Amino acid sequence: MSTLSSPSQTLLLVPLAATPAQLLKVALSNSLVQVQLRQRSTGLYLDLWQDKTRLCSGVLCQDRTWLVRDKGLGLPGDFTFMDTEGTQDPDYTQLGTRYRLFYRAGWNM
């Protein structure tokens, strides 16, 4: 995992493959977080688990939009996709290159 940081924030880059369905486990904020992505005709969707507890399902992935947005779920941070070439919502064909998934610890709406 690589890091993108500035004085006001640190974002961790979550490595993704350009496949329509994927499941990965990453250690974030002292927890094991499982990220599942699925491409459907209506967009790319995310499911999250933390230490085997499902936190959210079927979250539509949009460019520069925080995906969890709820401290009450217990995740000590949040995820966002960023389009490196514009402001399009992500699709699987360019995951990991054009569309990148970032995690920011301590960030929830």
N, C-alpha and C. Protein backbone atom coordinates (compact mmCIF):
# COMPACT_ATOMS: atom_id res chain seq x y z
N MET A 1 0.84 -1.16 0.00
CA MET A 1 0.00 0.00 0.00
C MET A 1 0.89 1.23 0.00
N SER A 2 0.59 2.24 -0.79
CA SER A 2 1.36 3.48 -0.78
C SER A 2 0.58 4.58 -0.10
N THR A 3 1.28 5.67 0.17
CA THR A 3 0.70 6.77 0.93
C THR A 3 0.76 8.05 0.13
N LEU A 4 -0.30 8.83 0.20
CA LEU A 4 -0.37 10.17 -0.36
C LEU A 4 -0.65 11.08 0.81
N SER A 5 0.23 12.05 1.07
CA SER A 5 0.00 12.87 2.25
C SER A 5 0.31 14.33 2.00
N SER A 6 -0.29 15.14 2.83
CA SER A 6 -0.05 16.58 2.88
C SER A 6 -0.09 16.94 4.36
N PRO A 7 0.23 18.18 4.72
CA PRO A 7 0.19 18.53 6.14
C PRO A 7 -1.15 18.28 6.82
N SER A 8 -2.24 18.32 6.08
CA SER A 8 -3.56 18.20 6.71
C SER A 8 -4.19 16.82 6.59
N GLN A 9 -3.60 15.91 5.78
CA GLN A 9 -4.23 14.61 5.61
C GLN A 9 -3.25 13.57 5.11
N THR A 10 -3.52 12.31 5.43
CA THR A 10 -2.76 11.19 4.91
C THR A 10 -3.74 10.19 4.33
N LEU A 11 -3.56 9.87 3.07
CA LEU A 11 -4.41 8.90 2.39
C LEU A 11 -3.56 7.68 2.05
N LEU A 12 -4.09 6.50 2.35
CA LEU A 12 -3.43 5.25 1.98
C LEU A 12 -4.07 4.72 0.71
N LEU A 13 -3.25 4.38 -0.26
CA LEU A 13 -3.75 3.83 -1.52
C LEU A 13 -3.96 2.34 -1.36
N VAL A 14 -5.19 1.89 -1.62
CA VAL A 14 -5.53 0.47 -1.54
C VAL A 14 -5.34 -0.12 -2.94
N PRO A 15 -4.47 -1.13 -3.07
CA PRO A 15 -4.20 -1.70 -4.41
C PRO A 15 -5.40 -2.47 -4.95
N LEU A 16 -5.77 -2.18 -6.19
CA LEU A 16 -6.90 -2.84 -6.84
C LEU A 16 -6.48 -3.38 -8.19
N ALA A 17 -7.20 -4.40 -8.64
CA ALA A 17 -7.01 -4.96 -9.99
C ALA A 17 -8.19 -4.55 -10.86
N ALA A 18 -7.96 -4.52 -12.16
CA ALA A 18 -9.03 -4.16 -13.10
C ALA A 18 -9.86 -5.40 -13.42
N THR A 19 -10.62 -5.87 -12.41
CA THR A 19 -11.51 -7.02 -12.58
C THR A 19 -12.91 -6.62 -12.09
N PRO A 20 -13.97 -7.19 -12.67
CA PRO A 20 -15.32 -6.76 -12.33
C PRO A 20 -15.79 -7.16 -10.94
N ALA A 21 -15.12 -8.13 -10.32
CA ALA A 21 -15.46 -8.53 -8.96
C ALA A 21 -14.17 -8.90 -8.25
N GLN A 22 -13.98 -8.34 -7.07
CA GLN A 22 -12.78 -8.67 -6.32
C GLN A 22 -13.02 -8.53 -4.83
N LEU A 23 -12.22 -9.29 -4.08
CA LEU A 23 -12.30 -9.29 -2.63
C LEU A 23 -10.87 -9.19 -2.12
N LEU A 24 -10.63 -8.21 -1.25
CA LEU A 24 -9.30 -8.10 -0.68
C LEU A 24 -9.37 -7.80 0.79
N LYS A 25 -8.33 -8.22 1.49
CA LYS A 25 -8.23 -7.99 2.93
C LYS A 25 -7.00 -7.13 3.17
N VAL A 26 -7.20 -6.05 3.92
CA VAL A 26 -6.10 -5.14 4.21
C VAL A 26 -6.11 -4.78 5.69
N ALA A 27 -4.94 -4.61 6.25
CA ALA A 27 -4.82 -4.18 7.64
C ALA A 27 -4.82 -2.65 7.67
N LEU A 28 -5.85 -2.09 8.29
CA LEU A 28 -6.01 -0.63 8.36
C LEU A 28 -6.42 -0.25 9.78
N SER A 29 -5.78 0.74 10.34
CA SER A 29 -6.14 1.26 11.67
C SER A 29 -6.25 0.13 12.70
N ASN A 30 -5.28 -0.77 12.71
CA ASN A 30 -5.23 -1.88 13.65
C ASN A 30 -6.40 -2.85 13.54
N SER A 31 -7.02 -2.92 12.37
CA SER A 31 -8.13 -3.85 12.13
C SER A 31 -7.93 -4.52 10.78
N LEU A 32 -8.49 -5.72 10.65
CA LEU A 32 -8.52 -6.37 9.36
C LEU A 32 -9.79 -5.94 8.64
N VAL A 33 -9.64 -5.27 7.53
CA VAL A 33 -10.78 -4.77 6.76
C VAL A 33 -10.86 -5.54 5.45
N GLN A 34 -12.04 -6.05 5.17
CA GLN A 34 -12.29 -6.77 3.93
C GLN A 34 -13.11 -5.88 3.01
N VAL A 35 -12.61 -5.71 1.80
CA VAL A 35 -13.26 -4.85 0.81
C VAL A 35 -13.71 -5.72 -0.35
N GLN A 36 -14.98 -5.66 -0.69
CA GLN A 36 -15.48 -6.39 -1.85
C GLN A 36 -16.05 -5.38 -2.84
N LEU A 37 -15.63 -5.48 -4.09
CA LEU A 37 -16.12 -4.61 -5.15
C LEU A 37 -16.80 -5.46 -6.22
N ARG A 38 -17.93 -4.96 -6.72
CA ARG A 38 -18.68 -5.64 -7.78
C ARG A 38 -19.15 -4.61 -8.79
N GLN A 39 -18.87 -4.88 -10.06
CA GLN A 39 -19.37 -4.02 -11.13
C GLN A 39 -20.73 -4.55 -11.57
N ARG A 40 -21.71 -3.67 -11.61
CA ARG A 40 -23.04 -3.99 -12.11
C ARG A 40 -23.35 -3.01 -13.24
N SER A 41 -24.46 -3.20 -13.91
CA SER A 41 -24.81 -2.30 -15.02
C SER A 41 -25.06 -0.87 -14.54
N THR A 42 -25.38 -0.71 -13.26
CA THR A 42 -25.69 0.62 -12.72
C THR A 42 -24.50 1.27 -11.99
N GLY A 43 -23.35 0.61 -11.97
CA GLY A 43 -22.17 1.20 -11.35
C GLY A 43 -21.35 0.18 -10.58
N LEU A 44 -20.33 0.69 -9.91
CA LEU A 44 -19.44 -0.13 -9.09
C LEU A 44 -19.92 -0.04 -7.64
N TYR A 45 -20.03 -1.18 -6.97
CA TYR A 45 -20.57 -1.23 -5.61
C TYR A 45 -19.56 -1.84 -4.64
N LEU A 46 -19.60 -1.37 -3.39
CA LEU A 46 -18.66 -1.78 -2.36
C LEU A 46 -19.39 -2.38 -1.16
N ASP A 47 -18.81 -3.45 -0.62
CA ASP A 47 -19.22 -4.03 0.66
C ASP A 47 -17.99 -3.99 1.55
N LEU A 48 -18.19 -3.74 2.85
CA LEU A 48 -17.07 -3.67 3.80
C LEU A 48 -17.35 -4.52 5.02
N TRP A 49 -16.31 -5.20 5.49
CA TRP A 49 -16.33 -5.92 6.75
C TRP A 49 -15.13 -5.46 7.57
N GLN A 50 -15.30 -5.42 8.87
CA GLN A 50 -14.20 -5.14 9.78
C GLN A 50 -14.15 -6.26 10.80
N ASP A 51 -13.03 -6.98 10.84
CA ASP A 51 -12.89 -8.10 11.77
C ASP A 51 -14.10 -9.03 11.72
N LYS A 52 -14.52 -9.42 10.53
CA LYS A 52 -15.62 -10.36 10.25
C LYS A 52 -17.02 -9.80 10.54
N THR A 53 -17.14 -8.52 10.83
CA THR A 53 -18.44 -7.90 11.02
C THR A 53 -18.76 -7.03 9.80
N ARG A 54 -19.89 -7.31 9.18
CA ARG A 54 -20.28 -6.51 8.01
C ARG A 54 -20.64 -5.10 8.46
N LEU A 55 -20.02 -4.11 7.82
CA LEU A 55 -20.29 -2.71 8.15
C LEU A 55 -21.28 -2.07 7.19
N CYS A 56 -21.13 -2.38 5.90
CA CYS A 56 -22.06 -1.81 4.92
C CYS A 56 -22.02 -2.66 3.65
N SER A 57 -23.12 -2.60 2.91
CA SER A 57 -23.26 -3.38 1.68
C SER A 57 -23.93 -2.56 0.61
N GLY A 58 -23.52 -2.80 -0.62
CA GLY A 58 -24.17 -2.18 -1.75
C GLY A 58 -24.00 -0.67 -1.84
N VAL A 59 -22.84 -0.17 -1.41
CA VAL A 59 -22.58 1.27 -1.47
C VAL A 59 -22.10 1.62 -2.87
N LEU A 60 -22.81 2.52 -3.54
CA LEU A 60 -22.43 2.97 -4.87
C LEU A 60 -21.15 3.79 -4.78
N CYS A 61 -20.14 3.41 -5.55
CA CYS A 61 -18.86 4.11 -5.55
C CYS A 61 -18.93 5.28 -6.52
N GLN A 62 -18.66 6.47 -6.01
CA GLN A 62 -18.66 7.67 -6.84
C GLN A 62 -17.35 8.42 -6.63
N ASP A 63 -16.97 9.18 -7.62
CA ASP A 63 -15.71 9.93 -7.56
C ASP A 63 -15.72 10.93 -6.41
N ARG A 64 -14.67 10.87 -5.60
CA ARG A 64 -14.42 11.82 -4.50
C ARG A 64 -15.59 11.92 -3.52
N THR A 65 -16.23 10.80 -3.25
CA THR A 65 -17.32 10.74 -2.28
C THR A 65 -16.94 9.72 -1.22
N TRP A 66 -16.96 10.13 0.05
CA TRP A 66 -16.65 9.21 1.13
C TRP A 66 -17.71 8.11 1.15
N LEU A 67 -17.29 6.87 1.36
CA LEU A 67 -18.18 5.73 1.20
C LEU A 67 -18.85 5.27 2.49
N VAL A 68 -18.21 5.42 3.63
CA VAL A 68 -18.78 4.94 4.89
C VAL A 68 -19.61 6.03 5.55
N ARG A 69 -19.04 7.16 5.82
CA ARG A 69 -19.71 8.37 6.33
C ARG A 69 -20.48 8.19 7.63
N ASP A 70 -20.05 7.24 8.48
CA ASP A 70 -20.79 7.03 9.73
C ASP A 70 -19.87 6.45 10.80
N LYS A 71 -19.52 7.26 11.79
CA LYS A 71 -18.67 6.79 12.89
C LYS A 71 -19.33 5.65 13.65
N GLY A 72 -20.65 5.63 13.67
CA GLY A 72 -21.38 4.62 14.41
C GLY A 72 -21.15 3.20 13.92
N LEU A 73 -20.66 3.05 12.71
CA LEU A 73 -20.39 1.71 12.18
C LEU A 73 -19.13 1.11 12.77
N GLY A 74 -18.27 1.95 13.35
CA GLY A 74 -17.09 1.45 14.03
C GLY A 74 -15.81 1.45 13.24
N LEU A 75 -15.85 1.77 11.96
CA LEU A 75 -14.61 1.83 11.17
C LEU A 75 -13.89 3.13 11.51
N PRO A 76 -12.62 3.05 11.92
CA PRO A 76 -11.91 4.27 12.32
C PRO A 76 -11.32 5.04 11.14
N GLY A 77 -12.08 5.18 10.09
CA GLY A 77 -11.63 5.89 8.90
C GLY A 77 -12.69 5.77 7.82
N ASP A 78 -12.31 6.16 6.61
CA ASP A 78 -13.26 6.09 5.50
C ASP A 78 -12.52 5.88 4.19
N PHE A 79 -13.26 5.47 3.17
CA PHE A 79 -12.72 5.20 1.84
C PHE A 79 -13.30 6.18 0.84
N THR A 80 -12.53 6.47 -0.20
CA THR A 80 -13.03 7.26 -1.32
C THR A 80 -12.30 6.84 -2.59
N PHE A 81 -13.00 6.92 -3.71
CA PHE A 81 -12.38 6.72 -5.01
C PHE A 81 -12.01 8.08 -5.58
N MET A 82 -10.91 8.11 -6.33
CA MET A 82 -10.52 9.33 -7.04
C MET A 82 -10.18 8.99 -8.47
N ASP A 83 -10.75 9.75 -9.38
CA ASP A 83 -10.47 9.64 -10.80
C ASP A 83 -9.23 10.50 -11.06
N THR A 84 -8.15 9.88 -11.52
CA THR A 84 -6.90 10.61 -11.75
C THR A 84 -6.88 11.38 -13.07
N GLU A 85 -7.93 11.21 -13.89
CA GLU A 85 -7.97 11.88 -15.19
C GLU A 85 -9.19 12.78 -15.35
N GLY A 86 -9.98 12.96 -14.32
CA GLY A 86 -11.19 13.77 -14.43
C GLY A 86 -12.06 13.59 -13.22
N THR A 87 -13.38 13.53 -13.45
CA THR A 87 -14.33 13.39 -12.34
C THR A 87 -15.40 12.35 -12.63
N GLN A 88 -15.05 11.31 -13.37
CA GLN A 88 -15.99 10.24 -13.68
C GLN A 88 -16.07 9.27 -12.51
N ASP A 89 -17.23 8.66 -12.32
CA ASP A 89 -17.37 7.62 -11.31
C ASP A 89 -16.61 6.37 -11.78
N PRO A 90 -16.07 5.59 -10.86
CA PRO A 90 -15.23 4.46 -11.24
C PRO A 90 -16.01 3.31 -11.89
N ASP A 91 -15.31 2.63 -12.79
CA ASP A 91 -15.78 1.34 -13.29
C ASP A 91 -14.57 0.41 -13.27
N TYR A 92 -14.82 -0.87 -13.31
CA TYR A 92 -13.75 -1.84 -13.07
C TYR A 92 -12.63 -1.81 -14.10
N THR A 93 -12.91 -1.35 -15.33
CA THR A 93 -11.93 -1.47 -16.41
C THR A 93 -10.63 -0.72 -16.14
N GLN A 94 -10.67 0.30 -15.28
CA GLN A 94 -9.46 1.06 -15.00
C GLN A 94 -9.18 1.20 -13.50
N LEU A 95 -9.66 0.23 -12.72
CA LEU A 95 -9.36 0.23 -11.29
C LEU A 95 -7.86 0.05 -11.10
N GLY A 96 -7.30 0.78 -10.17
CA GLY A 96 -5.88 0.68 -9.88
C GLY A 96 -5.01 1.57 -10.72
N THR A 97 -5.56 2.09 -11.83
CA THR A 97 -4.80 3.02 -12.68
C THR A 97 -5.51 4.36 -12.67
N ARG A 98 -6.53 4.51 -13.48
CA ARG A 98 -7.28 5.77 -13.50
C ARG A 98 -8.08 5.96 -12.21
N TYR A 99 -8.77 4.91 -11.78
CA TYR A 99 -9.61 4.99 -10.58
C TYR A 99 -8.88 4.35 -9.42
N ARG A 100 -8.61 5.14 -8.40
CA ARG A 100 -7.85 4.67 -7.25
C ARG A 100 -8.68 4.78 -5.99
N LEU A 101 -8.54 3.77 -5.15
CA LEU A 101 -9.25 3.72 -3.89
C LEU A 101 -8.30 4.13 -2.77
N PHE A 102 -8.72 5.12 -1.97
CA PHE A 102 -7.91 5.61 -0.86
C PHE A 102 -8.65 5.41 0.46
N TYR A 103 -7.85 5.23 1.51
CA TYR A 103 -8.37 5.13 2.89
C TYR A 103 -7.74 6.24 3.70
N ARG A 104 -8.57 6.89 4.52
CA ARG A 104 -8.07 7.92 5.43
C ARG A 104 -8.47 7.56 6.85
N ALA A 105 -7.49 7.30 7.69
CA ALA A 105 -7.73 6.96 9.09
C ALA A 105 -8.27 8.17 9.82
N GLY A 106 -9.20 7.92 10.76
CA GLY A 106 -9.74 8.99 11.59
C GLY A 106 -10.68 9.92 10.86
N TRP A 107 -11.18 9.51 9.72
CA TRP A 107 -12.04 10.38 8.92
C TRP A 107 -13.39 9.73 8.69
N ASN A 108 -14.39 10.22 9.38
CA ASN A 108 -15.78 9.83 9.15
C ASN A 108 -16.65 11.07 9.32
N MET A 109 -17.68 11.15 8.55
CA MET A 109 -18.59 12.30 8.63
C MET A 109 -19.38 12.24 9.92
